[in-house]
Each structure stands twice: as C-alpha cells, then as structure tokens.
Amino acid sequence: MESVKQKQQTAFDALKDQFGYTNRMETPRLEKIVVNIGTGSTKDKEKIEIIEDRLARITGQRPVRTLAKQSIAAFGLREGTPVGYQVTLRGELMYNFLDKVIHLAMPRMKDFHGIPTKPIDEMGNYTLGIQEHTIFPETSDEELRNVFGMGITIVTTSNDRETAEGFFRHLGFPFQKEEVKA
C-alpha cells in the first residue's frame, strides 16, 4: 500500500495531463492539517482532561487550548474562557495522521459509503467532520461514555476546487460515487 507521502511525490506525473501542468511546482501540495475539538460549556475538568489526552494520543502532538475571543452573555461565555483544543500538524506527523485517517479511521465509520466532495472550499482546502473519536485505533473502546467529535481541515496549495479534488483523489481519499441525475 502506497503512503500519502509517496503519492504526494508522484502527483505531478499523475496530474500533469489532466490539468496541463508543465512544472512540478504547479502541482498542489499538502501544507498542514488542523484538528479542532470544541469542549463547549463543559465545566467538568475530568472530561476536559480526557479530551486533551485523547487528542494528543490520536494526533501524536500536544494540543493547544483555544480561548473565547469575546464574551457572549446569551451563552454564559466570558472572554478568555477555554472553549476547545486545536492541533496543527505539519511534515511527517501530517502524513502519518492523514494515512491513519484514510486507511484506518474512515473504514471504521458507521455506514461508511465515502466522503462527499462538497466540503472542498474555493481555496482548495477540505474540512471533514468526524462525529465519534472512537474510530481511531489509539482510543480505547471500553470508555464509550466520553465520546466527542472533531473537525479536520486539510490545507493545500491548490487554488481552486477542481484541482484540489483531483489531488485528493490521487492521494486516495474515498469520495462518494456521484449519482447521475436524469
């Protein structure tokens, strides 16, 4: 099985005919992967510590606590209150994490029929929402009472949706089959 890093290196050869690339530097590349988890209005320190620990185990990097930028009275939120955790992955950790997501975690999702192409934005980035962190092999299945979701944003150097989708397909993203409407 070819890894994401190896596929990244062969992207120029695979995509040059499809998009008319004449130089290797035109080929999209992965820049970073950002993983976000919101703790919401949870005041339970034990649950917050569990979220931080699980995110560190899943990504292989210590998360950074994100704080509220402004106070919102309707939510009982004060400026500077912790509201979540974030990890930015680059380099080897980024490639390892993406391999894990594509080849191990996604096939473990319930009723998995592929991921949609709609979340690819106009800048060529993909945002994937995961509802249960238990699909990752690092988490223990015995502790199912503290299940949380996360958002994964994959940032590329692509400038538009079409080239980003072709690049993601080359990397092996399991996109849904397009239904032909008659």
C-alpha atoms as a PDB file:
ATOM      1  CA  MET A   1       0.000   0.000   0.000  1.00  0.00           C
ATOM      2  CA  GLU A   2       1.444   3.339  -1.073  1.00  0.00           C
ATOM      3  CA  SER A   3       1.551   6.021   1.634  1.00  0.00           C
ATOM      4  CA  VAL A   4       0.224   9.557   1.264  1.00  0.00           C
ATOM      5  CA  LYS A   5       3.782  10.937   1.259  1.00  0.00           C
ATOM      6  CA  GLN A   6       4.742   8.688  -1.682  1.00  0.00           C
ATOM      7  CA  LYS A   7       1.580   9.690  -3.562  1.00  0.00           C
ATOM      8  CA  GLN A   8       2.399  13.357  -2.925  1.00  0.00           C
ATOM      9  CA  GLN A   9       5.728  12.820  -4.693  1.00  0.00           C
ATOM     10  CA  THR A  10       4.074  11.175  -7.723  1.00  0.00           C
ATOM     11  CA  ALA A  11       1.305  13.789  -8.013  1.00  0.00           C
ATOM     12  CA  PHE A  12       2.983  15.700 -10.864  1.00  0.00           C
ATOM     13  CA  ASP A  13       3.256  12.639 -13.101  1.00  0.00           C
ATOM     14  CA  ALA A  14      -0.338  11.618 -12.371  1.00  0.00           C
ATOM     15  CA  LEU A  15      -1.975  15.046 -12.734  1.00  0.00           C
ATOM     16  CA  LYS A  16       0.076  16.792 -15.447  1.00  0.00           C
ATOM     17  CA  ASP A  17      -2.104  15.562 -18.339  1.00  0.00           C
ATOM     18  CA  GLN A  18      -5.386  16.203 -16.527  1.00  0.00           C
ATOM     19  CA  PHE A  19      -4.596  19.812 -15.508  1.00  0.00           C
ATOM     20  CA  GLY A  20      -1.873  20.750 -18.022  1.00  0.00           C
ATOM     21  CA  TYR A  21       0.971  21.167 -15.533  1.00  0.00           C
ATOM     22  CA  THR A  22       4.370  21.903 -17.091  1.00  0.00           C
ATOM     23  CA  ASN A  23       6.350  22.375 -13.889  1.00  0.00           C
ATOM     24  CA  ARG A  24       6.493  20.279 -10.699  1.00  0.00           C
ATOM     25  CA  MET A  25       5.903  23.390  -8.589  1.00  0.00           C
ATOM     26  CA  GLU A  26       2.418  23.835 -10.110  1.00  0.00           C
ATOM     27  CA  THR A  27       1.261  20.590  -8.511  1.00  0.00           C
ATOM     28  CA  PRO A  28      -0.804  21.021  -5.318  1.00  0.00           C
ATOM     29  CA  ARG A  29       0.887  20.014  -2.071  1.00  0.00           C
ATOM     30  CA  LEU A  30      -0.301  19.446   1.470  1.00  0.00           C
ATOM     31  CA  GLU A  31       0.600  22.394   3.701  1.00  0.00           C
ATOM     32  CA  LYS A  32      -0.885  21.441   7.057  1.00  0.00           C
ATOM     33  CA  ILE A  33      -3.703  19.637   8.821  1.00  0.00           C
ATOM     34  CA  VAL A  34      -5.613  21.363  11.622  1.00  0.00           C
ATOM     35  CA  VAL A  35      -7.633  19.255  14.084  1.00  0.00           C
ATOM     36  CA  ASN A  36     -10.195  21.109  16.256  1.00  0.00           C
ATOM     37  CA  ILE A  37     -12.275  19.879  19.160  1.00  0.00           C
ATOM     38  CA  GLY A  38     -14.767  22.095  20.965  1.00  0.00           C
ATOM     39  CA  THR A  39     -15.396  21.459  24.642  1.00  0.00           C
ATOM     40  CA  GLY A  40     -18.453  23.704  24.650  1.00  0.00           C
ATOM     41  CA  SER A  41     -19.749  24.826  28.008  1.00  0.00           C
ATOM     42  CA  THR A  42     -18.280  21.825  29.815  1.00  0.00           C
ATOM     43  CA  LYS A  43     -17.077  22.764  33.280  1.00  0.00           C
ATOM     44  CA  ASP A  44     -16.118  19.169  34.156  1.00  0.00           C
ATOM     45  CA  LYS A  45     -12.314  19.210  34.479  1.00  0.00           C
ATOM     46  CA  GLU A  46     -12.087  15.417  34.164  1.00  0.00           C
ATOM     47  CA  LYS A  47     -13.882  15.402  30.818  1.00  0.00           C
ATOM     48  CA  ILE A  48     -11.716  18.274  29.532  1.00  0.00           C
ATOM     49  CA  GLU A  49      -8.563  16.381  30.557  1.00  0.00           C
ATOM     50  CA  ILE A  50      -9.867  13.268  28.773  1.00  0.00           C
ATOM     51  CA  ILE A  51     -10.460  15.292  25.583  1.00  0.00           C
ATOM     52  CA  GLU A  52      -6.961  16.771  25.740  1.00  0.00           C
ATOM     53  CA  ASP A  53      -5.358  13.367  26.368  1.00  0.00           C
ATOM     54  CA  ARG A  54      -7.274  11.603  23.577  1.00  0.00           C
ATOM     55  CA  LEU A  55      -6.469  14.345  21.063  1.00  0.00           C
ATOM     56  CA  ALA A  56      -2.781  14.093  21.972  1.00  0.00           C
ATOM     57  CA  ARG A  57      -2.874  10.306  21.506  1.00  0.00           C
ATOM     58  CA  ILE A  58      -4.732  10.482  18.179  1.00  0.00           C
ATOM     59  CA  THR A  59      -2.534  13.154  16.590  1.00  0.00           C
ATOM     60  CA  GLY A  60       0.795  12.396  18.268  1.00  0.00           C
ATOM     61  CA  GLN A  61       1.216  16.055  19.252  1.00  0.00           C
ATOM     62  CA  ARG A  62       0.223  18.041  22.334  1.00  0.00           C
ATOM     63  CA  PRO A  63      -2.899  20.176  21.693  1.00  0.00           C
ATOM     64  CA  VAL A  64      -3.189  23.908  22.327  1.00  0.00           C
ATOM     65  CA  ARG A  65      -6.131  25.215  24.356  1.00  0.00           C
ATOM     66  CA  THR A  66      -8.291  27.699  22.437  1.00  0.00           C
ATOM     67  CA  LEU A  67      -9.907  30.560  24.334  1.00  0.00           C
ATOM     68  CA  ALA A  68     -13.088  32.556  23.701  1.00  0.00           C
ATOM     69  CA  LYS A  69     -12.292  35.766  21.826  1.00  0.00           C
ATOM     70  CA  GLN A  70     -15.276  37.687  23.167  1.00  0.00           C
ATOM     71  CA  SER A  71     -17.947  37.425  25.828  1.00  0.00           C
ATOM     72  CA  ILE A  72     -21.432  36.272  24.815  1.00  0.00           C
ATOM     73  CA  ALA A  73     -23.984  36.747  27.586  1.00  0.00           C
ATOM     74  CA  ALA A  74     -26.648  34.521  25.987  1.00  0.00           C
ATOM     75  CA  PHE A  75     -24.282  31.539  26.212  1.00  0.00           C
ATOM     76  CA  GLY A  76     -22.826  32.478  29.592  1.00  0.00           C
ATOM     77  CA  LEU A  77     -19.422  32.774  27.954  1.00  0.00           C
ATOM     78  CA  ARG A  78     -16.672  35.088  29.170  1.00  0.00           C
ATOM     79  CA  GLU A  79     -13.728  36.337  27.133  1.00  0.00           C
ATOM     80  CA  GLY A  80     -10.672  34.155  27.782  1.00  0.00           C
ATOM     81  CA  THR A  81     -12.647  31.076  28.854  1.00  0.00           C
ATOM     82  CA  PRO A  82     -11.306  27.776  27.393  1.00  0.00           C
ATOM     83  CA  VAL A  83     -13.674  26.555  24.635  1.00  0.00           C
ATOM     84  CA  GLY A  84     -11.701  23.816  22.890  1.00  0.00           C
ATOM     85  CA  TYR A  85      -8.409  22.340  21.724  1.00  0.00           C
ATOM     86  CA  GLN A  86      -6.505  22.576  18.467  1.00  0.00           C
ATOM     87  CA  VAL A  87      -3.540  20.780  16.880  1.00  0.00           C
ATOM     88  CA  THR A  88      -1.709  21.903  13.737  1.00  0.00           C
ATOM     89  CA  LEU A  89       0.211  19.092  12.057  1.00  0.00           C
ATOM     90  CA  ARG A  90       2.984  19.590   9.516  1.00  0.00           C
ATOM     91  CA  GLY A  91       5.695  17.413   7.992  1.00  0.00           C
ATOM     92  CA  GLU A  92       5.969  13.749   8.896  1.00  0.00           C
ATOM     93  CA  LEU A  93       3.248  13.868  11.585  1.00  0.00           C
ATOM     94  CA  MET A  94       0.845  15.331   8.998  1.00  0.00           C
ATOM     95  CA  TYR A  95       1.482  12.493   6.522  1.00  0.00           C
ATOM     96  CA  ASN A  96       1.193   9.824   9.243  1.00  0.00           C
ATOM     97  CA  PHE A  97      -2.079  11.304  10.528  1.00  0.00           C
ATOM     98  CA  LEU A  98      -3.589  11.527   7.030  1.00  0.00           C
ATOM     99  CA  ASP A  99      -2.589   7.913   6.313  1.00  0.00           C
ATOM    100  CA  LYS A 100      -4.287   6.891   9.560  1.00  0.00           C
ATOM    101  CA  VAL A 101      -7.472   8.837   8.742  1.00  0.00           C
ATOM    102  CA  ILE A 102      -7.787   7.480   5.176  1.00  0.00           C
ATOM    103  CA  HIS A 103      -6.767   3.852   5.729  1.00  0.00           C
ATOM    104  CA  LEU A 104      -7.757   3.077   9.335  1.00  0.00           C
ATOM    105  CA  ALA A 105     -10.301   5.533  10.719  1.00  0.00           C
ATOM    106  CA  MET A 106     -12.677   6.140   7.783  1.00  0.00           C
ATOM    107  CA  PRO A 107     -13.347   2.443   7.134  1.00  0.00           C
ATOM    108  CA  ARG A 108     -14.366   2.122  10.812  1.00  0.00           C
ATOM    109  CA  MET A 109     -17.144   4.742  10.486  1.00  0.00           C
ATOM    110  CA  LYS A 110     -20.721   3.534  10.770  1.00  0.00           C
ATOM    111  CA  ASP A 111     -22.478   3.093   7.399  1.00  0.00           C
ATOM    112  CA  PHE A 112     -19.467   4.473   5.531  1.00  0.00           C
ATOM    113  CA  HIS A 113     -20.089   4.982   1.820  1.00  0.00           C
ATOM    114  CA  GLY A 114     -17.376   7.535   1.162  1.00  0.00           C
ATOM    115  CA  ILE A 115     -16.932  11.203   1.975  1.00  0.00           C
ATOM    116  CA  PRO A 116     -18.645  13.982  -0.011  1.00  0.00           C
ATOM    117  CA  THR A 117     -16.742  16.347  -2.312  1.00  0.00           C
ATOM    118  CA  LYS A 118     -18.904  19.314  -1.304  1.00  0.00           C
ATOM    119  CA  PRO A 119     -16.708  20.370   1.690  1.00  0.00           C
ATOM    120  CA  ILE A 120     -13.838  21.318  -0.658  1.00  0.00           C
ATOM    121  CA  ASP A 121     -13.803  25.119  -0.498  1.00  0.00           C
ATOM    122  CA  GLU A 122     -12.854  27.611  -3.226  1.00  0.00           C
ATOM    123  CA  MET A 123      -9.294  27.823  -1.875  1.00  0.00           C
ATOM    124  CA  GLY A 124      -8.732  24.067  -2.324  1.00  0.00           C
ATOM    125  CA  ASN A 125      -8.985  23.031   1.341  1.00  0.00           C
ATOM    126  CA  TYR A 126     -11.062  20.127   2.674  1.00  0.00           C
ATOM    127  CA  THR A 127     -12.885  20.150   6.016  1.00  0.00           C
ATOM    128  CA  LEU A 128     -14.037  16.816   7.390  1.00  0.00           C
ATOM    129  CA  GLY A 129     -16.297  16.441  10.414  1.00  0.00           C
ATOM    130  CA  ILE A 130     -15.971  13.293  12.497  1.00  0.00           C
ATOM    131  CA  GLN A 131     -18.768  12.574  14.971  1.00  0.00           C
ATOM    132  CA  GLU A 132     -17.050   9.927  17.105  1.00  0.00           C
ATOM    133  CA  HIS A 133     -13.378   9.936  18.036  1.00  0.00           C
ATOM    134  CA  THR A 134     -13.588   6.202  18.772  1.00  0.00           C
ATOM    135  CA  ILE A 135     -12.915   5.362  15.101  1.00  0.00           C
ATOM    136  CA  PHE A 136      -9.207   5.965  15.739  1.00  0.00           C
ATOM    137  CA  PRO A 137      -7.208   2.924  16.885  1.00  0.00           C
ATOM    138  CA  GLU A 138      -5.488   4.822  19.750  1.00  0.00           C
ATOM    139  CA  THR A 139      -8.709   5.269  21.687  1.00  0.00           C
ATOM    140  CA  SER A 140      -9.936   2.506  23.920  1.00  0.00           C
ATOM    141  CA  ASP A 141     -13.375   1.187  23.037  1.00  0.00           C
ATOM    142  CA  GLU A 142     -14.207   0.438  26.666  1.00  0.00           C
ATOM    143  CA  GLU A 143     -14.717   4.115  27.594  1.00  0.00           C
ATOM    144  CA  LEU A 144     -17.732   4.930  25.436  1.00  0.00           C
ATOM    145  CA  ARG A 145     -19.332   7.396  27.835  1.00  0.00           C
ATOM    146  CA  ASN A 146     -16.998  10.252  26.822  1.00  0.00           C
ATOM    147  CA  VAL A 147     -17.451  10.302  23.048  1.00  0.00           C
ATOM    148  CA  PHE A 148     -16.757  13.558  21.231  1.00  0.00           C
ATOM    149  CA  GLY A 149     -16.401  14.764  17.660  1.00  0.00           C
ATOM    150  CA  MET A 150     -13.745  16.744  15.852  1.00  0.00           C
ATOM    151  CA  GLY A 151     -13.172  18.841  12.779  1.00  0.00           C
ATOM    152  CA  ILE A 152     -10.227  18.092  10.495  1.00  0.00           C
ATOM    153  CA  THR A 153      -9.147  20.730   7.956  1.00  0.00           C
ATOM    154  CA  ILE A 154      -6.667  19.683   5.277  1.00  0.00           C
ATOM    155  CA  VAL A 155      -4.940  22.742   3.795  1.00  0.00           C
ATOM    156  CA  THR A 156      -3.364  22.514   0.326  1.00  0.00           C
ATOM    157  CA  THR A 157      -1.562  24.877  -2.048  1.00  0.00           C
ATOM    158  CA  SER A 158      -4.284  24.380  -4.669  1.00  0.00           C
ATOM    159  CA  ASN A 159      -6.094  27.489  -5.907  1.00  0.00           C
ATOM    160  CA  ASP A 160      -9.483  26.040  -6.851  1.00  0.00           C
ATOM    161  CA  ARG A 161     -11.930  23.215  -6.181  1.00  0.00           C
ATOM    162  CA  GLU A 162     -11.295  21.221  -9.368  1.00  0.00           C
ATOM    163  CA  THR A 163      -7.529  20.814  -8.937  1.00  0.00           C
ATOM    164  CA  ALA A 164      -7.966  20.158  -5.209  1.00  0.00           C
ATOM    165  CA  GLU A 165     -10.490  17.390  -5.899  1.00  0.00           C
ATOM    166  CA  GLY A 166      -8.175  15.779  -8.462  1.00  0.00           C
ATOM    167  CA  PHE A 167      -5.295  15.994  -5.980  1.00  0.00           C
ATOM    168  CA  PHE A 168      -7.352  14.472  -3.154  1.00  0.00           C
ATOM    169  CA  ARG A 169      -8.499  11.637  -5.443  1.00  0.00           C
ATOM    170  CA  HIS A 170      -4.851  10.964  -6.323  1.00  0.00           C
ATOM    171  CA  LEU A 171      -3.971  10.826  -2.612  1.00  0.00           C
ATOM    172  CA  GLY A 172      -6.617   8.128  -2.153  1.00  0.00           C
ATOM    173  CA  PHE A 173      -9.492   9.961  -0.485  1.00  0.00           C
ATOM    174  CA  PRO A 174     -12.548   7.653  -0.541  1.00  0.00           C
ATOM    175  CA  PHE A 175     -15.056  10.027  -2.159  1.00  0.00           C
ATOM    176  CA  GLN A 176     -18.688   9.043  -2.659  1.00  0.00           C
ATOM    177  CA  LYS A 177     -19.769   7.825  -6.065  1.00  0.00           C
ATOM    178  CA  GLU A 178     -21.537  10.591  -7.971  1.00  0.00           C
ATOM    179  CA  GLU A 179     -25.161   9.769  -8.753  1.00  0.00           C
ATOM    180  CA  VAL A 180     -26.182  10.651 -12.298  1.00  0.00           C
ATOM    181  CA  LYS A 181     -29.444  12.623 -12.336  1.00  0.00           C
ATOM    182  CA  ALA A 182     -31.625  12.087 -15.389  1.00  0.00           C
END
